[in-house]
Every structure is written in structure tokens, then in C-alpha cells.
Amino acid sequence: MLLLLIMASRAAWSDAGGVSDEWVMATVRHHCAMCHAETPSHTMLLGQAPPKGVVLESIDDVRRFAPRITEMVVRKKTMPFGNETAMTEADRAKFSQWLAGSDVQRVSCQLARTWISHWNCSGPWQ
């Protein structure tokens, strides 16, 4: 039963708000990865660590930093920095839909904790 719950919550996350993980990663690669990679490729960051230590190279990275992404990309609209990559309002709205899917994961994780006291919920839904 627990396995089914976990699988269902992952499936819900991967299609949160009708937005796929693939779309999210394509968007992150286009708008974020040149700065937020283990080795940034943006000319202003060559040889430096990624800003604020935020690395967005996998969907799990994006999930882990979901609260920051929500704040900086969706609410404040300060990222991408100076909107250098011309992220559209439509893309921000779509990203917001995907980020909102974390509620499904948070609820599933809390439910799992009620069954297994040492269950480790890792991610923005903690």
C-alpha cells in the first residue's frame, strides 16, 4: 500500500498542473542552467561557484529548490537575472503550475510518516 502511495505521488508530481518534468527541465536548461550548474557557463561566472549555491541540473534539484524558485521566478520575477533569457509570463505561469504540484507530494509524505515513524521526507514539501 505504501509503495502505491509513493508511486502515485511521484506520478502526480511529474504531471503537476498538466506540466511535465520534461518541460520544466527544458525550461531550466534554457533559462537557469548557464548560471545554476556545478560549473556555470555564463561568461560572468566562469571559474566561480553557482550563485547562492543553487545547482539546477536535475529534476530533483528543481524540487529541492522549489521554494526559492517560487519566490525568485514566480513571485518576485527577479530570475533569470535581468531576464537576460527573456522568460515569458506564460512560462512563469506554467512553472508556477508545476511548482504548485508539491502539495500532492507534501501530503503523501506526511501520510507516509504516520505509518513509518522514521520516514524521511526530503524535498520542498517537508
N, C-alpha and C. Protein backbone atom coordinates (compact mmCIF):
# COMPACT_ATOMS: atom_id res chain seq x y z
N MET A 1 0.82 -1.20 0.00
CA MET A 1 0.00 0.00 0.00
C MET A 1 0.87 1.27 0.00
N LEU A 2 1.88 1.25 0.84
CA LEU A 2 2.76 2.41 0.92
C LEU A 2 3.46 2.64 -0.41
N LEU A 3 3.89 1.56 -1.05
CA LEU A 3 4.56 1.68 -2.34
C LEU A 3 3.63 2.32 -3.37
N LEU A 4 2.38 1.93 -3.38
CA LEU A 4 1.41 2.53 -4.29
C LEU A 4 1.23 4.01 -4.03
N LEU A 5 1.19 4.38 -2.76
CA LEU A 5 1.05 5.78 -2.39
C LEU A 5 2.23 6.59 -2.90
N ILE A 6 3.42 6.06 -2.72
CA ILE A 6 4.62 6.77 -3.17
C ILE A 6 4.63 6.89 -4.68
N MET A 7 4.32 5.80 -5.37
CA MET A 7 4.29 5.84 -6.83
C MET A 7 3.24 6.81 -7.35
N ALA A 8 2.08 6.84 -6.70
CA ALA A 8 1.02 7.77 -7.13
C ALA A 8 1.44 9.21 -6.90
N SER A 9 2.10 9.48 -5.79
CA SER A 9 2.51 10.86 -5.52
C SER A 9 3.59 11.31 -6.49
N ARG A 10 4.51 10.42 -6.86
CA ARG A 10 5.53 10.77 -7.85
C ARG A 10 4.89 11.04 -9.20
N ALA A 11 3.91 10.23 -9.57
CA ALA A 11 3.21 10.44 -10.83
C ALA A 11 2.50 11.78 -10.82
N ALA A 12 1.87 12.12 -9.72
CA ALA A 12 1.18 13.41 -9.61
C ALA A 12 2.17 14.55 -9.72
N TRP A 13 3.34 14.41 -9.08
CA TRP A 13 4.36 15.45 -9.17
C TRP A 13 4.84 15.62 -10.60
N SER A 14 5.05 14.48 -11.29
CA SER A 14 5.64 14.55 -12.63
C SER A 14 4.70 15.17 -13.64
N ASP A 15 3.43 15.30 -13.32
CA ASP A 15 2.48 15.92 -14.24
C ASP A 15 1.69 16.99 -13.49
N ALA A 16 2.36 17.70 -12.61
CA ALA A 16 1.72 18.71 -11.78
C ALA A 16 1.12 19.82 -12.61
N GLY A 17 -0.17 20.00 -12.47
CA GLY A 17 -0.85 21.07 -13.17
C GLY A 17 -0.81 20.90 -14.68
N GLY A 18 -0.63 19.66 -15.14
CA GLY A 18 -0.55 19.42 -16.57
C GLY A 18 0.80 19.81 -17.17
N VAL A 19 1.78 20.09 -16.34
CA VAL A 19 3.11 20.50 -16.80
C VAL A 19 4.07 19.35 -16.50
N SER A 20 4.77 18.88 -17.52
CA SER A 20 5.64 17.72 -17.34
C SER A 20 7.01 18.10 -16.78
N ASP A 21 7.65 17.12 -16.17
CA ASP A 21 9.02 17.30 -15.71
C ASP A 21 9.94 17.65 -16.88
N GLU A 22 9.66 17.07 -18.04
CA GLU A 22 10.48 17.33 -19.22
C GLU A 22 10.41 18.80 -19.62
N TRP A 23 9.20 19.37 -19.57
CA TRP A 23 9.06 20.79 -19.89
C TRP A 23 9.83 21.63 -18.88
N VAL A 24 9.72 21.28 -17.60
CA VAL A 24 10.43 22.01 -16.54
C VAL A 24 11.93 21.97 -16.80
N MET A 25 12.47 20.78 -17.08
CA MET A 25 13.91 20.68 -17.29
C MET A 25 14.36 21.41 -18.56
N ALA A 26 13.56 21.39 -19.61
CA ALA A 26 13.90 22.14 -20.82
C ALA A 26 13.93 23.64 -20.51
N THR A 27 12.98 24.09 -19.71
CA THR A 27 12.91 25.50 -19.33
C THR A 27 14.10 25.88 -18.44
N VAL A 28 14.43 25.02 -17.49
CA VAL A 28 15.57 25.27 -16.62
C VAL A 28 16.86 25.31 -17.43
N ARG A 29 17.03 24.38 -18.37
CA ARG A 29 18.24 24.38 -19.21
C ARG A 29 18.34 25.68 -20.01
N HIS A 30 17.21 26.18 -20.50
CA HIS A 30 17.21 27.40 -21.31
C HIS A 30 17.42 28.66 -20.47
N HIS A 31 16.78 28.74 -19.32
CA HIS A 31 16.77 30.00 -18.56
C HIS A 31 17.68 30.02 -17.33
N CYS A 32 18.09 28.87 -16.81
CA CYS A 32 18.75 28.85 -15.49
C CYS A 32 20.13 28.20 -15.46
N ALA A 33 20.31 27.16 -16.27
CA ALA A 33 21.47 26.29 -16.13
C ALA A 33 22.82 26.97 -16.41
N MET A 34 22.82 28.03 -17.22
CA MET A 34 24.11 28.66 -17.51
C MET A 34 24.73 29.28 -16.25
N CYS A 35 23.91 29.60 -15.28
CA CYS A 35 24.42 30.12 -14.00
C CYS A 35 24.33 29.07 -12.89
N HIS A 36 23.23 28.34 -12.87
CA HIS A 36 22.95 27.41 -11.77
C HIS A 36 23.31 25.98 -12.15
N ALA A 37 24.61 25.79 -12.41
CA ALA A 37 25.19 24.48 -12.69
C ALA A 37 26.41 24.30 -11.79
N GLU A 38 26.85 23.07 -11.64
CA GLU A 38 28.07 22.82 -10.85
C GLU A 38 29.22 23.68 -11.38
N THR A 39 29.29 23.78 -12.70
CA THR A 39 30.29 24.62 -13.36
C THR A 39 29.55 25.60 -14.26
N PRO A 40 29.23 26.78 -13.76
CA PRO A 40 28.48 27.75 -14.57
C PRO A 40 29.20 28.09 -15.87
N SER A 41 28.40 28.23 -16.94
CA SER A 41 28.98 28.57 -18.25
C SER A 41 28.74 30.02 -18.64
N HIS A 42 27.97 30.75 -17.85
CA HIS A 42 27.74 32.17 -18.14
C HIS A 42 29.06 32.91 -18.03
N THR A 43 29.34 33.79 -18.96
CA THR A 43 30.64 34.47 -19.01
C THR A 43 30.96 35.24 -17.73
N MET A 44 29.93 35.72 -17.03
CA MET A 44 30.17 36.47 -15.79
C MET A 44 30.48 35.55 -14.60
N LEU A 45 30.31 34.24 -14.78
CA LEU A 45 30.50 33.31 -13.66
C LEU A 45 31.57 32.26 -13.91
N LEU A 46 32.30 32.38 -15.00
CA LEU A 46 33.32 31.39 -15.32
C LEU A 46 34.32 31.27 -14.16
N GLY A 47 34.57 30.02 -13.76
CA GLY A 47 35.51 29.78 -12.67
C GLY A 47 34.93 30.03 -11.28
N GLN A 48 33.66 30.36 -11.19
CA GLN A 48 33.03 30.64 -9.90
C GLN A 48 32.00 29.56 -9.56
N ALA A 49 31.62 29.55 -8.30
CA ALA A 49 30.56 28.65 -7.84
C ALA A 49 29.21 29.20 -8.32
N PRO A 50 28.20 28.36 -8.40
CA PRO A 50 26.88 28.85 -8.80
C PRO A 50 26.34 29.83 -7.76
N PRO A 51 25.59 30.85 -8.19
CA PRO A 51 25.05 31.83 -7.25
C PRO A 51 24.22 31.18 -6.14
N LYS A 52 24.50 31.62 -4.91
CA LYS A 52 23.79 31.15 -3.72
C LYS A 52 23.88 29.64 -3.52
N GLY A 53 24.80 28.98 -4.24
CA GLY A 53 24.94 27.54 -4.12
C GLY A 53 23.81 26.76 -4.76
N VAL A 54 23.00 27.42 -5.56
CA VAL A 54 21.85 26.77 -6.19
C VAL A 54 22.29 26.11 -7.49
N VAL A 55 22.20 24.78 -7.52
CA VAL A 55 22.52 24.00 -8.70
C VAL A 55 21.22 23.36 -9.18
N LEU A 56 20.90 23.57 -10.45
CA LEU A 56 19.66 23.05 -11.02
C LEU A 56 19.98 22.19 -12.24
N GLU A 57 20.53 21.02 -11.99
CA GLU A 57 20.94 20.13 -13.07
C GLU A 57 20.03 18.92 -13.23
N SER A 58 19.13 18.69 -12.28
CA SER A 58 18.23 17.54 -12.36
C SER A 58 16.85 17.97 -11.84
N ILE A 59 15.86 17.15 -12.13
CA ILE A 59 14.52 17.45 -11.66
C ILE A 59 14.48 17.41 -10.12
N ASP A 60 15.30 16.55 -9.51
CA ASP A 60 15.36 16.51 -8.05
C ASP A 60 15.95 17.80 -7.49
N ASP A 61 16.93 18.39 -8.19
CA ASP A 61 17.46 19.69 -7.78
C ASP A 61 16.35 20.74 -7.82
N VAL A 62 15.58 20.73 -8.89
CA VAL A 62 14.50 21.72 -9.04
C VAL A 62 13.48 21.54 -7.92
N ARG A 63 13.15 20.30 -7.59
CA ARG A 63 12.22 20.04 -6.48
C ARG A 63 12.79 20.55 -5.16
N ARG A 64 14.08 20.28 -4.93
CA ARG A 64 14.71 20.68 -3.67
C ARG A 64 14.69 22.21 -3.50
N PHE A 65 14.86 22.93 -4.61
CA PHE A 65 14.90 24.39 -4.54
C PHE A 65 13.56 25.03 -4.91
N ALA A 66 12.50 24.25 -4.94
CA ALA A 66 11.18 24.76 -5.33
C ALA A 66 10.75 26.01 -4.56
N PRO A 67 10.93 26.07 -3.24
CA PRO A 67 10.52 27.31 -2.54
C PRO A 67 11.28 28.54 -3.03
N ARG A 68 12.59 28.42 -3.26
CA ARG A 68 13.38 29.55 -3.77
C ARG A 68 12.96 29.92 -5.18
N ILE A 69 12.72 28.90 -6.00
CA ILE A 69 12.31 29.14 -7.38
C ILE A 69 10.96 29.86 -7.40
N THR A 70 10.05 29.42 -6.57
CA THR A 70 8.75 30.07 -6.48
C THR A 70 8.92 31.54 -6.14
N GLU A 71 9.76 31.81 -5.16
CA GLU A 71 9.97 33.19 -4.71
C GLU A 71 10.63 34.05 -5.80
N MET A 72 11.72 33.55 -6.38
CA MET A 72 12.53 34.37 -7.27
C MET A 72 12.03 34.41 -8.72
N VAL A 73 11.44 33.32 -9.20
CA VAL A 73 11.00 33.24 -10.60
C VAL A 73 9.54 33.63 -10.74
N VAL A 74 8.71 33.13 -9.83
CA VAL A 74 7.26 33.34 -9.97
C VAL A 74 6.79 34.60 -9.26
N ARG A 75 7.17 34.78 -7.99
CA ARG A 75 6.65 35.93 -7.22
C ARG A 75 7.40 37.23 -7.53
N LYS A 76 8.70 37.24 -7.29
CA LYS A 76 9.48 38.47 -7.47
C LYS A 76 9.88 38.74 -8.92
N LYS A 77 9.96 37.68 -9.70
CA LYS A 77 10.35 37.77 -11.12
C LYS A 77 11.74 38.39 -11.29
N THR A 78 12.63 38.12 -10.33
CA THR A 78 13.99 38.63 -10.41
C THR A 78 14.95 37.64 -11.07
N MET A 79 14.47 36.45 -11.34
CA MET A 79 15.24 35.44 -12.05
C MET A 79 14.45 35.03 -13.28
N PRO A 80 15.11 34.76 -14.35
CA PRO A 80 16.53 34.90 -14.60
C PRO A 80 16.98 36.36 -14.41
N PHE A 81 18.21 36.50 -13.94
CA PHE A 81 18.75 37.81 -13.62
C PHE A 81 18.62 38.76 -14.80
N GLY A 82 17.96 39.87 -14.57
CA GLY A 82 17.74 40.86 -15.63
C GLY A 82 16.90 40.34 -16.78
N ASN A 83 16.28 39.20 -16.56
CA ASN A 83 15.51 38.49 -17.59
C ASN A 83 16.30 38.40 -18.90
N GLU A 84 17.59 38.12 -18.74
CA GLU A 84 18.52 38.03 -19.85
C GLU A 84 18.08 37.01 -20.92
N THR A 85 17.39 35.96 -20.49
CA THR A 85 16.96 34.92 -21.44
C THR A 85 15.51 35.10 -21.88
N ALA A 86 14.92 36.23 -21.52
CA ALA A 86 13.56 36.59 -21.95
C ALA A 86 12.50 35.55 -21.57
N MET A 87 12.49 35.18 -20.30
CA MET A 87 11.44 34.27 -19.82
C MET A 87 10.10 34.99 -19.89
N THR A 88 9.12 34.36 -20.50
CA THR A 88 7.81 34.99 -20.69
C THR A 88 6.93 34.82 -19.47
N GLU A 89 5.91 35.63 -19.38
CA GLU A 89 4.91 35.48 -18.31
C GLU A 89 4.21 34.13 -18.41
N ALA A 90 4.00 33.67 -19.64
CA ALA A 90 3.36 32.36 -19.83
C ALA A 90 4.24 31.24 -19.26
N ASP A 91 5.55 31.35 -19.47
CA ASP A 91 6.46 30.35 -18.91
C ASP A 91 6.48 30.41 -17.39
N ARG A 92 6.45 31.61 -16.83
CA ARG A 92 6.41 31.75 -15.38
C ARG A 92 5.13 31.14 -14.82
N ALA A 93 4.01 31.36 -15.50
CA ALA A 93 2.73 30.80 -15.05
C ALA A 93 2.75 29.27 -15.12
N LYS A 94 3.32 28.75 -16.18
CA LYS A 94 3.40 27.29 -16.34
C LYS A 94 4.31 26.68 -15.28
N PHE A 95 5.43 27.34 -15.01
CA PHE A 95 6.34 26.89 -13.96
C PHE A 95 5.62 26.91 -12.61
N SER A 96 4.85 27.94 -12.38
CA SER A 96 4.08 28.06 -11.14
C SER A 96 3.10 26.89 -10.98
N GLN A 97 2.46 26.49 -12.07
CA GLN A 97 1.55 25.33 -12.02
C GLN A 97 2.30 24.09 -11.59
N TRP A 98 3.46 23.89 -12.16
CA TRP A 98 4.24 22.70 -11.81
C TRP A 98 4.68 22.75 -10.35
N LEU A 99 5.14 23.91 -9.91
CA LEU A 99 5.58 24.07 -8.53
C LEU A 99 4.44 23.83 -7.54
N ALA A 100 3.23 24.21 -7.90
CA ALA A 100 2.08 24.01 -7.03
C ALA A 100 1.81 22.53 -6.80
N GLY A 101 2.29 21.67 -7.67
CA GLY A 101 2.11 20.24 -7.51
C GLY A 101 2.82 19.68 -6.29
N SER A 102 3.69 20.46 -5.66
CA SER A 102 4.39 19.98 -4.47
C SER A 102 3.43 19.68 -3.34
N ASP A 103 2.24 20.26 -3.34
CA ASP A 103 1.27 19.98 -2.29
C ASP A 103 0.90 18.50 -2.27
N VAL A 104 0.79 17.89 -3.43
CA VAL A 104 0.47 16.47 -3.51
C VAL A 104 1.58 15.67 -2.84
N GLN A 105 2.81 16.01 -3.14
CA GLN A 105 3.95 15.30 -2.56
C GLN A 105 4.01 15.50 -1.05
N ARG A 106 3.77 16.71 -0.59
CA ARG A 106 3.83 17.00 0.85
C ARG A 106 2.81 16.19 1.61
N VAL A 107 1.59 16.13 1.12
CA VAL A 107 0.52 15.38 1.79
C VAL A 107 0.85 13.90 1.80
N SER A 108 1.33 13.37 0.68
CA SER A 108 1.68 11.95 0.61
C SER A 108 2.80 11.62 1.59
N CYS A 109 3.77 12.50 1.68
CA CYS A 109 4.88 12.28 2.59
C CYS A 109 4.42 12.30 4.04
N GLN A 110 3.57 13.24 4.38
CA GLN A 110 3.07 13.30 5.75
C GLN A 110 2.27 12.05 6.10
N LEU A 111 1.51 11.54 5.14
CA LEU A 111 0.76 10.32 5.35
C LEU A 111 1.71 9.15 5.57
N ALA A 112 2.77 9.08 4.78
CA ALA A 112 3.76 8.02 4.94
C ALA A 112 4.39 8.08 6.33
N ARG A 113 4.63 9.29 6.83
CA ARG A 113 5.21 9.44 8.17
C ARG A 113 4.30 8.87 9.25
N THR A 114 2.99 8.92 9.05
CA THR A 114 2.08 8.38 10.06
C THR A 114 2.20 6.86 10.14
N TRP A 115 2.62 6.21 9.05
CA TRP A 115 2.76 4.76 9.04
C TRP A 115 4.15 4.32 9.46
N ILE A 116 5.15 5.09 9.09
CA ILE A 116 6.54 4.72 9.38
C ILE A 116 7.18 5.92 10.05
N SER A 117 7.39 5.81 11.36
CA SER A 117 7.84 6.98 12.13
C SER A 117 9.17 7.54 11.67
N HIS A 118 10.05 6.73 11.12
CA HIS A 118 11.37 7.21 10.69
C HIS A 118 11.40 7.58 9.20
N TRP A 119 10.24 7.67 8.56
CA TRP A 119 10.18 8.00 7.13
C TRP A 119 10.82 9.35 6.90
N ASN A 120 11.72 9.42 5.93
CA ASN A 120 12.43 10.66 5.64
C ASN A 120 11.81 11.34 4.42
N CYS A 121 11.17 12.45 4.66
CA CYS A 121 10.61 13.24 3.56
C CYS A 121 11.66 14.28 3.16
N SER A 122 12.23 14.09 1.98
CA SER A 122 13.21 15.07 1.53
C SER A 122 12.61 15.81 0.35
N GLY A 123 12.68 17.12 0.39
CA GLY A 123 12.14 17.92 -0.70
C GLY A 123 11.47 19.17 -0.17
N PRO A 124 10.92 19.98 -1.04
CA PRO A 124 10.34 21.25 -0.64
C PRO A 124 9.03 21.10 0.12
N TRP A 125 8.48 19.90 0.18
CA TRP A 125 7.18 19.66 0.82
C TRP A 125 7.32 19.29 2.28
N GLN A 126 8.53 19.31 2.86
CA GLN A 126 8.76 18.89 4.25
C GLN A 126 7.91 19.67 5.22
